Amino acid sequence: MGIIQLFNDKKFFKSMLKLAIPIALQNLILSSLNLVDTIIIGGLGETAIASVGLANQYFFLLNLLLFGITSGSSIFTAQYWGNKDIKNIRRVLGLCLLTGCSAALLFTLGGLFFPKQILSIFSKDADVIMLGSQYLKIIVFSYVITSITFAYSFTLRSTGQVKIPMIVSVTALAINTILNYLLVYGYFGFPKMGTNGSATATLIARIIEMCLILFAVYRKNNVIAAKFSELMDLSKSFILNFFKVTIPVILNESIWALGVTMYAIVYARMGTEVIASTNISSTVERITWVIFMGLGNACAVMIGHKIGEGNERDAFIYAKRFIILGPVFAMFAGILVFFTSPWILSAYKVSPVVYNYAAKNLIVFSIFLWVKVFNFTSIVGILRSGGDTTFCLILDTGGVWLIGVPLVFLGGLVWHLPVYYVYALVYMEEVAKLIIGLPRILSKKWINNLASKTAV
């Protein structure tokens, strides 16, 4: 099949845009609001930026664990939706809620009772640990709430319903940004709470977000508006089949998250200026990443639907299209980041050293973005949608722990390289994953019809 013939499919592009644009738009607005939040906190100084960043690093671990749970669930949901199996979609949602809420509760208890011990893993700066602990003791009450929102949002996405999560999340984050502005500095008669105000604003926004998503689902009697009995209608065989596929995804995200946390530990031990610069550059990176989050999620849903329908030929053709489209778009995005990052960074009130570090971090990011996008599309969009979760586990975690973590520790703590060179070492894992992942996609060994195997 020639390149022109491969992309000569209007139905494919219509479906892709229908899914990708709302998800990308949602993530764009969320990341933009997060950028505003970071700028608001930045007005309190570098210690405040670092403390909130480290406290959120703890949530980052939970976030990826929840992403693993919901991603594993989405594999089944997308394939079940391919053959319109509503009963099993609701069962998957029930298991997703049980697993996600349990994980969130454990993280809540840890952050509530051991905040200083947790943050001392990342930093030895007493002021950063004190501020971060106060922030963490408030924000942990949003964790279980967030897990419920995740479960319903990802299930909606997997059934092709992307507008509801988009509207709900954007509304909640807009409220979060407004409350951040009011509570951090005490404007318009609100109490001046500093970083604690940011945590309180986020907690309130998360509660509103959960209420809105549940209202939207159950008020309109959506296909996932399951009764409690339907959520808990779980047989032993169904649970075992679910976790056989989902546990590698959960382990993948958890072990990978621990590896990325090792990067954060290295940055923290390189100094508060380094932490501040990586927090700033990461926020800018997340804005760039929104396009590819939309593309990757659209890829997972579309391929999952095709496999659920039993159409493996089209599933493979879709995979080839996505691994070409993603990197090509990423090259253009990298060029855009390269030329616009100085303008974006000028909004931050930071020292010249922090500014310089952040700017060079973003140059590294712009160079390697296309490789990172290829891997995200491959692992999250293609291989997982076909149920090839064990291979994804080995590829993703092997890249982090065998290549990324050793190089970052050597670069940051042994060779004492500047942070932007350490940043470049992180991307060596992405290069390795591309080399190993591409042959797997072309082999077609990742295509597994889980819907037909697990339907009961």
Protein backbone atom coordinates (compact mmCIF):
# COMPACT_ATOMS: atom_id res chain seq x y z
CA MET A 1 0.00 0.00 0.00
CA GLY A 2 1.49 3.33 -1.14
CA ILE A 3 1.65 6.39 1.10
CA ILE A 4 -1.13 8.18 -0.86
CA GLN A 5 -3.39 5.14 -0.74
CA LEU A 6 -2.64 4.68 2.97
CA PHE A 7 -4.02 8.11 3.80
CA ASN A 8 -6.82 8.23 1.23
CA ASP A 9 -9.62 7.58 3.74
CA LYS A 10 -11.94 10.47 4.60
CA LYS A 11 -13.88 8.37 7.12
CA PHE A 12 -10.68 7.71 9.08
CA PHE A 13 -9.76 11.38 9.32
CA LYS A 14 -13.33 12.37 10.20
CA SER A 15 -13.37 9.87 13.08
CA MET A 16 -9.87 10.86 14.21
CA LEU A 17 -10.68 14.56 14.33
CA LYS A 18 -14.03 13.93 16.04
CA LEU A 19 -12.17 12.18 18.87
CA ALA A 20 -8.81 13.98 18.89
CA ILE A 21 -9.94 17.62 18.72
CA PRO A 22 -12.15 17.64 21.88
CA ILE A 23 -9.49 15.70 23.84
CA ALA A 24 -6.71 17.98 22.59
CA LEU A 25 -8.81 21.07 23.27
CA GLN A 26 -9.60 19.82 26.77
CA ASN A 27 -5.93 19.19 27.51
CA LEU A 28 -4.93 22.52 25.96
CA ILE A 29 -7.28 24.47 28.20
CA LEU A 30 -6.31 22.42 31.25
CA SER A 31 -2.61 22.89 30.58
CA SER A 32 -3.10 26.60 29.91
CA LEU A 33 -4.93 26.98 33.19
CA ASN A 34 -2.19 25.00 34.93
CA LEU A 35 0.31 27.38 33.38
CA VAL A 36 -1.66 30.31 34.82
CA ASP A 37 -1.74 28.53 38.20
CA THR A 38 2.03 28.09 38.07
CA ILE A 39 2.49 31.78 37.23
CA ILE A 40 0.17 32.72 40.14
CA ILE A 41 2.22 30.57 42.52
CA GLY A 42 5.39 31.94 40.93
CA GLY A 43 4.53 35.34 42.33
CA LEU A 44 5.25 33.90 45.79
CA GLY A 45 8.84 33.07 44.84
CA GLU A 46 10.98 30.12 43.83
CA THR A 47 10.53 28.30 47.15
CA ALA A 48 6.76 28.31 46.66
CA ILE A 49 7.12 27.00 43.08
CA ALA A 50 9.44 24.24 44.27
CA SER A 51 7.25 23.23 47.26
CA VAL A 52 4.05 22.97 45.21
CA GLY A 53 5.95 21.18 42.45
CA LEU A 54 7.29 18.56 44.87
CA ALA A 55 3.91 18.07 46.54
CA ASN A 56 2.39 17.57 43.11
CA GLN A 57 5.12 15.05 42.34
CA TYR A 58 3.42 12.81 44.91
CA PHE A 59 0.12 13.25 43.07
CA PHE A 60 1.98 12.54 39.83
CA LEU A 61 2.62 9.02 41.13
CA LEU A 62 -1.07 8.54 41.93
CA ASN A 63 -2.05 10.18 38.66
CA LEU A 64 -0.05 7.68 36.65
CA LEU A 65 -1.34 4.78 38.75
CA LEU A 66 -4.90 5.94 38.05
CA PHE A 67 -3.97 6.39 34.40
CA GLY A 68 -2.76 2.79 34.38
CA ILE A 69 -6.01 1.54 35.91
CA THR A 70 -8.24 3.58 33.60
CA SER A 71 -6.09 2.82 30.54
CA GLY A 72 -6.31 -0.89 31.26
CA SER A 73 -10.06 -0.55 31.66
CA SER A 74 -10.29 1.46 28.44
CA ILE A 75 -8.76 -1.40 26.46
CA PHE A 76 -11.79 -3.52 27.34
CA THR A 77 -14.29 -0.67 27.08
CA ALA A 78 -13.21 0.29 23.55
CA GLN A 79 -13.36 -3.30 22.33
CA TYR A 80 -16.69 -3.99 24.05
CA TRP A 81 -18.06 -0.84 22.45
CA GLY A 82 -16.95 -2.22 19.09
CA ASN A 83 -19.56 -4.97 19.47
CA LYS A 84 -21.99 -2.85 21.59
CA ASP A 85 -21.65 -4.95 24.78
CA ILE A 86 -23.08 -2.44 27.31
CA LYS A 87 -23.40 -4.99 30.12
CA ASN A 88 -19.66 -5.71 30.20
CA ILE A 89 -18.76 -2.03 29.78
CA ARG A 90 -20.60 -1.33 33.04
CA ARG A 91 -18.82 -4.22 34.76
CA VAL A 92 -15.46 -2.82 33.64
CA LEU A 93 -16.45 0.59 35.02
CA GLY A 94 -17.25 -1.04 38.38
CA LEU A 95 -13.84 -2.71 38.57
CA CYS A 96 -12.18 0.53 37.53
CA LEU A 97 -13.92 2.41 40.36
CA LEU A 98 -13.05 -0.21 42.97
CA THR A 99 -9.39 -0.37 42.01
CA GLY A 100 -8.93 3.38 41.51
CA CYS A 101 -10.63 4.42 44.75
CA SER A 102 -8.60 1.87 46.74
CA ALA A 103 -5.33 3.21 45.33
CA ALA A 104 -6.39 6.82 45.93
CA LEU A 105 -7.33 6.07 49.53
CA LEU A 106 -3.87 4.64 50.24
CA PHE A 107 -2.21 7.74 48.78
CA THR A 108 -4.55 9.95 50.80
CA LEU A 109 -3.57 8.28 54.08
CA GLY A 110 0.14 8.45 53.20
CA GLY A 111 0.03 12.16 52.33
CA LEU A 112 -2.10 12.99 55.36
CA PHE A 113 0.00 11.27 58.01
CA PHE A 114 3.52 11.30 56.51
CA PRO A 115 3.82 14.46 54.38
CA LYS A 116 7.27 15.57 55.58
CA GLN A 117 8.74 12.08 55.23
CA ILE A 118 7.42 11.85 51.68
CA LEU A 119 8.69 15.26 50.58
CA SER A 120 12.09 14.74 52.23
CA ILE A 121 12.67 12.01 49.64
CA PHE A 122 12.69 14.71 46.97
CA SER A 123 14.37 17.63 48.73
CA LYS A 124 16.45 18.53 51.78
CA ASP A 125 15.38 22.19 51.75
CA ALA A 126 13.53 22.70 55.06
CA ASP A 127 11.45 25.62 53.77
CA VAL A 128 10.36 23.68 50.69
CA ILE A 129 9.40 20.65 52.81
CA MET A 130 7.42 22.78 55.29
CA LEU A 131 5.40 24.60 52.62
CA GLY A 132 4.93 21.44 50.59
CA SER A 133 3.68 19.48 53.63
CA GLN A 134 1.01 22.08 54.37
CA TYR A 135 -0.09 21.98 50.74
CA LEU A 136 -0.15 18.18 50.68
CA LYS A 137 -2.31 17.84 53.80
CA ILE A 138 -5.07 19.75 52.01
CA ILE A 139 -4.75 18.41 48.46
CA VAL A 140 -4.85 14.71 49.49
CA PHE A 141 -8.60 15.01 50.16
CA SER A 142 -9.10 15.40 46.41
CA TYR A 143 -7.48 12.06 45.53
CA VAL A 144 -10.47 9.68 45.89
CA ILE A 145 -12.69 12.27 44.21
CA THR A 146 -10.25 12.46 41.31
CA SER A 147 -10.22 8.67 40.92
CA ILE A 148 -14.01 8.64 40.48
CA THR A 149 -13.82 11.39 37.86
CA PHE A 150 -11.05 9.53 36.04
CA ALA A 151 -13.10 6.32 35.86
CA TYR A 152 -16.17 7.95 34.34
CA SER A 153 -14.22 10.29 32.02
CA PHE A 154 -12.06 7.55 30.50
CA THR A 155 -15.04 5.23 30.07
CA LEU A 156 -16.90 7.98 28.23
CA ARG A 157 -13.89 8.59 25.99
CA SER A 158 -13.55 4.89 25.18
CA THR A 159 -17.13 4.81 23.94
CA GLY A 160 -16.40 7.80 21.69
CA GLN A 161 -18.11 10.35 23.94
CA VAL A 162 -15.42 13.00 24.36
CA LYS A 163 -17.47 16.19 24.68
CA ILE A 164 -18.84 15.58 28.19
CA PRO A 165 -15.38 15.08 29.82
CA MET A 166 -14.08 18.10 27.91
CA ILE A 167 -16.84 20.47 29.06
CA VAL A 168 -16.74 19.21 32.66
CA SER A 169 -12.95 19.40 33.02
CA VAL A 170 -12.66 22.82 31.43
CA THR A 171 -15.41 24.19 33.69
CA ALA A 172 -13.79 22.76 36.83
CA LEU A 173 -10.31 23.99 35.93
CA ALA A 174 -11.59 27.46 35.12
CA ILE A 175 -13.09 27.55 38.63
CA ASN A 176 -9.77 26.31 39.98
CA THR A 177 -7.85 29.12 38.28
CA ILE A 178 -10.22 31.82 39.54
CA LEU A 179 -10.13 30.45 43.09
CA ASN A 180 -6.33 30.20 42.91
CA TYR A 181 -6.11 33.89 42.09
CA LEU A 182 -8.50 34.81 44.90
CA LEU A 183 -7.20 32.51 47.65
CA VAL A 184 -3.45 32.71 47.06
CA TYR A 185 -3.34 36.52 47.36
CA GLY A 186 -6.60 37.25 49.19
CA TYR A 187 -8.26 39.45 46.58
CA PHE A 188 -11.86 40.74 46.83
CA GLY A 189 -12.21 39.96 50.51
CA PHE A 190 -11.04 36.34 50.31
CA PRO A 191 -8.48 35.14 52.89
CA LYS A 192 -4.83 35.36 51.83
CA MET A 193 -3.68 31.72 52.10
CA GLY A 194 -0.56 31.52 49.91
CA THR A 195 0.23 28.00 48.68
CA ASN A 196 -2.52 26.59 50.94
CA GLY A 197 -4.97 28.70 48.95
CA SER A 198 -3.88 26.93 45.78
CA ALA A 199 -4.48 23.54 47.41
CA THR A 200 -7.91 24.60 48.66
CA ALA A 201 -8.87 25.91 45.22
CA THR A 202 -7.88 22.62 43.60
CA LEU A 203 -9.84 20.59 46.16
CA ILE A 204 -13.01 22.63 45.57
CA ALA A 205 -12.58 22.35 41.79
CA ARG A 206 -12.13 18.56 41.99
CA ILE A 207 -15.36 18.21 43.99
CA ILE A 208 -17.25 20.30 41.43
CA GLU A 209 -15.71 18.28 38.58
CA MET A 210 -16.86 14.94 40.05
CA CYS A 211 -20.38 16.24 40.70
CA LEU A 212 -20.67 17.58 37.16
CA ILE A 213 -19.50 14.35 35.49
CA LEU A 214 -21.88 12.21 37.57
CA PHE A 215 -24.76 14.60 36.90
CA ALA A 216 -24.07 14.53 33.14
CA VAL A 217 -23.93 10.73 33.04
CA TYR A 218 -26.95 9.92 35.19
CA ARG A 219 -29.18 12.86 34.32
CA LYS A 220 -29.10 11.92 30.62
CA ASN A 221 -29.23 8.17 31.34
CA ASN A 222 -25.99 7.68 29.45
CA VAL A 223 -24.93 4.19 28.31
CA ILE A 224 -22.50 4.08 31.26
CA ALA A 225 -25.15 5.23 33.78
CA ALA A 226 -24.86 1.95 35.63
CA LYS A 227 -26.73 0.98 38.75
CA PHE A 228 -24.68 -0.22 41.73
CA SER A 229 -25.82 -3.80 41.06
CA GLU A 230 -24.58 -3.55 37.45
CA LEU A 231 -21.21 -2.18 38.54
CA MET A 232 -20.77 -5.01 41.04
CA ASP A 233 -22.05 -7.82 38.79
CA LEU A 234 -18.59 -9.35 38.74
CA SER A 235 -17.77 -13.03 38.32
CA LYS A 236 -14.44 -14.52 39.32
CA SER A 237 -13.55 -15.31 35.70
CA PHE A 238 -14.39 -11.78 34.58
CA ILE A 239 -12.20 -10.25 37.32
CA LEU A 240 -9.29 -12.57 36.50
CA ASN A 241 -9.51 -11.82 32.76
CA PHE A 242 -9.70 -8.11 33.51
CA PHE A 243 -6.63 -8.04 35.74
CA LYS A 244 -4.66 -10.35 33.44
CA VAL A 245 -4.62 -7.51 30.93
CA THR A 246 -4.89 -4.55 33.30
CA ILE A 247 -2.21 -5.43 35.90
CA PRO A 248 0.65 -5.08 33.37
CA VAL A 249 -0.71 -1.61 32.51
CA ILE A 250 -0.94 -0.65 36.20
CA LEU A 251 2.58 -1.99 36.81
CA ASN A 252 3.77 -0.22 33.67
CA GLU A 253 2.51 3.17 34.82
CA SER A 254 3.56 2.64 38.45
CA ILE A 255 7.10 1.43 37.74
CA TRP A 256 7.53 4.03 35.01
CA ALA A 257 6.26 6.70 37.44
CA LEU A 258 8.81 5.62 40.04
CA GLY A 259 11.50 5.95 37.40
CA VAL A 260 10.34 9.46 36.49
CA THR A 261 10.27 10.23 40.23
CA MET A 262 13.95 9.28 40.30
CA TYR A 263 14.49 12.03 37.75
CA ALA A 264 12.70 14.48 40.07
CA ILE A 265 14.88 13.36 43.00
CA VAL A 266 18.02 14.04 40.96
CA TYR A 267 16.73 17.48 39.91
CA ALA A 268 15.84 18.30 43.52
CA ARG A 269 19.30 17.37 44.74
CA MET A 270 20.82 19.56 42.04
CA GLY A 271 19.28 22.62 43.76
CA THR A 272 16.11 24.67 44.17
CA GLU A 273 16.87 26.64 40.99
CA VAL A 274 16.95 23.39 39.02
CA ILE A 275 13.62 22.25 40.52
CA ALA A 276 12.02 25.58 39.65
CA SER A 277 13.33 25.45 36.07
CA THR A 278 12.09 21.89 35.47
CA ASN A 279 8.66 22.74 36.92
CA ILE A 280 8.40 25.73 34.59
CA SER A 281 9.61 23.90 31.47
CA SER A 282 7.36 20.91 32.27
CA THR A 283 4.33 23.20 32.32
CA VAL A 284 5.20 24.52 28.86
CA GLU A 285 5.82 20.97 27.64
CA ARG A 286 2.36 19.88 28.81
CA ILE A 287 0.77 22.58 26.67
CA THR A 288 2.65 21.29 23.62
CA TRP A 289 1.76 17.72 24.48
CA VAL A 290 -2.01 18.29 24.30
CA ILE A 291 -2.18 17.66 20.55
CA PHE A 292 -0.52 14.29 20.93
CA MET A 293 -2.63 13.31 23.93
CA GLY A 294 -5.63 13.82 21.69
CA LEU A 295 -4.05 11.93 18.81
CA GLY A 296 -2.91 9.03 21.03
CA ASN A 297 -6.29 8.68 22.71
CA ALA A 298 -8.09 8.80 19.36
CA CYS A 299 -5.70 6.11 18.13
CA ALA A 300 -6.47 3.83 21.10
CA VAL A 301 -10.25 4.23 20.76
CA MET A 302 -10.36 3.78 16.98
CA ILE A 303 -8.08 0.75 16.89
CA GLY A 304 -9.87 -0.78 19.90
CA HIS A 305 -13.23 -0.41 18.15
CA LYS A 306 -11.90 -2.09 15.00
CA ILE A 307 -10.44 -5.01 16.94
CA GLY A 308 -13.72 -5.38 18.88
CA GLU A 309 -15.57 -5.52 15.55
CA GLY A 310 -13.22 -8.29 14.42
CA ASN A 311 -11.70 -6.10 11.69
CA GLU A 312 -7.97 -6.73 12.26
CA ARG A 313 -6.99 -5.56 8.78
CA ASP A 314 -8.27 -2.02 9.34
CA ALA A 315 -6.82 -2.00 12.87
CA PHE A 316 -3.33 -2.55 11.40
CA ILE A 317 -3.85 0.07 8.68
CA TYR A 318 -4.94 2.56 11.35
CA ALA A 319 -1.80 1.77 13.36
CA LYS A 320 0.45 2.52 10.37
CA ARG A 321 -1.33 5.83 9.78
CA PHE A 322 -0.94 6.96 13.37
CA ILE A 323 2.78 6.13 13.69
CA ILE A 324 3.41 8.35 10.67
CA LEU A 325 1.04 11.20 11.52
CA GLY A 326 2.17 11.60 15.15
CA PRO A 327 5.92 12.16 14.57
CA VAL A 328 5.29 14.40 11.53
CA PHE A 329 3.02 16.70 13.58
CA ALA A 330 5.56 16.56 16.42
CA MET A 331 8.36 17.89 14.22
CA PHE A 332 6.30 20.98 13.42
CA ALA A 333 5.37 21.37 17.11
CA GLY A 334 9.04 21.12 18.10
CA ILE A 335 9.93 23.96 15.76
CA LEU A 336 7.12 26.05 17.25
CA VAL A 337 8.33 25.42 20.82
CA PHE A 338 11.88 26.31 19.84
CA PHE A 339 10.90 29.76 18.57
CA THR A 340 8.14 30.69 21.05
CA SER A 341 9.56 29.46 24.37
CA PRO A 342 11.45 32.72 25.16
CA TRP A 343 8.19 34.66 24.86
CA ILE A 344 6.34 32.18 27.13
CA LEU A 345 9.10 32.12 29.74
CA SER A 346 9.17 35.91 29.93
CA ALA A 347 5.90 35.72 31.94
CA TYR A 348 7.73 34.17 34.91
CA LYS A 349 9.23 36.33 37.64
CA VAL A 350 12.34 34.21 38.20
CA SER A 351 16.09 34.70 38.35
CA PRO A 352 18.19 34.74 35.15
CA VAL A 353 19.66 31.36 36.11
CA VAL A 354 16.23 29.69 36.37
CA TYR A 355 15.15 31.34 33.11
CA ASN A 356 18.28 30.13 31.31
CA TYR A 357 17.87 26.56 32.59
CA ALA A 358 14.18 26.44 31.59
CA ALA A 359 14.89 27.84 28.12
CA LYS A 360 17.58 25.26 27.39
CA ASN A 361 15.39 22.46 28.79
CA LEU A 362 12.78 23.41 26.22
CA ILE A 363 15.32 23.35 23.39
CA VAL A 364 16.13 19.75 24.31
CA PHE A 365 12.42 18.95 24.46
CA SER A 366 11.78 20.44 21.00
CA ILE A 367 14.57 18.32 19.46
CA PHE A 368 13.36 14.99 20.86
CA LEU A 369 9.60 15.61 20.81
CA TRP A 370 8.94 13.53 17.68
CA VAL A 371 10.61 10.47 19.25
CA LYS A 372 8.55 10.83 22.42
CA VAL A 373 5.35 11.15 20.38
CA PHE A 374 6.16 8.02 18.39
CA ASN A 375 6.54 6.03 21.61
CA PHE A 376 3.39 7.44 23.20
CA THR A 377 1.37 6.60 20.09
CA SER A 378 2.92 3.14 19.90
CA ILE A 379 2.50 2.15 23.53
CA VAL A 380 -0.67 3.92 24.68
CA GLY A 381 -2.43 4.18 21.32
CA ILE A 382 -1.56 0.98 19.43
CA LEU A 383 -0.01 -1.84 21.48
CA ARG A 384 -2.26 -1.42 24.50
CA SER A 385 -5.42 -1.14 22.42
CA GLY A 386 -4.60 -4.61 21.09
CA GLY A 387 -4.08 -5.99 24.59
CA ASP A 388 -0.30 -6.33 24.19
CA THR A 389 0.19 -5.00 27.70
CA THR A 390 3.00 -7.29 28.86
CA PHE A 391 5.25 -6.18 25.99
CA CYS A 392 4.42 -2.55 26.80
CA LEU A 393 5.38 -3.16 30.44
CA ILE A 394 8.78 -4.57 29.48
CA LEU A 395 9.47 -1.89 26.86
CA ASP A 396 8.40 1.14 28.90
CA THR A 397 9.86 0.20 32.28
CA GLY A 398 13.02 -1.24 30.75
CA GLY A 399 13.65 2.06 28.97
CA VAL A 400 13.30 4.06 32.17
CA TRP A 401 15.18 1.81 34.61
CA LEU A 402 17.90 0.36 32.38
CA ILE A 403 18.69 3.51 30.39
CA GLY A 404 17.04 6.69 31.70
CA VAL A 405 17.56 6.44 35.47
CA PRO A 406 21.22 5.31 35.36
CA LEU A 407 22.14 8.05 32.87
CA VAL A 408 20.30 10.78 34.82
CA PHE A 409 21.93 9.80 38.13
CA LEU A 410 25.35 9.76 36.48
CA GLY A 411 24.77 13.05 34.67
CA GLY A 412 23.24 14.94 37.59
CA LEU A 413 24.98 13.56 40.69
CA VAL A 414 28.27 12.08 39.45
CA TRP A 415 29.29 14.12 36.42
CA HIS A 416 27.52 17.28 37.73
CA LEU A 417 26.31 18.29 34.29
CA PRO A 418 24.01 21.31 33.82
CA VAL A 419 20.34 20.37 34.05
CA TYR A 420 19.70 20.76 30.31
CA TYR A 421 22.33 18.10 29.53
CA VAL A 422 20.72 15.82 32.12
CA TYR A 423 17.41 16.53 30.39
CA ALA A 424 18.92 15.28 27.13
CA LEU A 425 20.05 12.06 28.82
CA VAL A 426 16.42 11.38 29.79
CA TYR A 427 15.50 11.14 26.11
CA MET A 428 17.98 8.34 25.45
CA GLU A 429 15.35 5.96 26.82
CA GLU A 430 12.90 7.24 24.17
CA VAL A 431 15.39 6.52 21.38
CA ALA A 432 15.84 2.95 22.63
CA LYS A 433 12.07 2.38 22.87
CA LEU A 434 11.55 3.56 19.28
CA ILE A 435 14.15 1.10 17.99
CA ILE A 436 12.52 -1.83 19.81
CA GLY A 437 8.86 -0.79 19.49
CA LEU A 438 8.61 -0.28 15.73
CA PRO A 439 9.30 -3.93 14.76
CA ARG A 440 6.65 -5.06 17.27
CA ILE A 441 3.98 -2.92 15.60
CA LEU A 442 4.91 -4.18 12.13
CA SER A 443 4.78 -7.81 13.34
CA LYS A 444 1.01 -7.58 14.11
CA LYS A 445 1.57 -9.77 17.20
CA TRP A 446 -0.08 -7.09 19.35
CA ILE A 447 -3.57 -7.58 17.88
CA ASN A 448 -5.77 -9.52 20.34
CA ASN A 449 -9.58 -9.54 20.39
CA LEU A 450 -10.20 -9.36 24.14
CA ALA A 451 -13.93 -8.69 23.74
CA SER A 452 -14.57 -12.11 22.24
CA LYS A 453 -12.36 -13.84 24.83
CA THR A 454 -13.83 -12.23 27.95
CA ALA A 455 -17.51 -11.71 27.05
CA VAL A 456 -19.79 -13.58 29.48
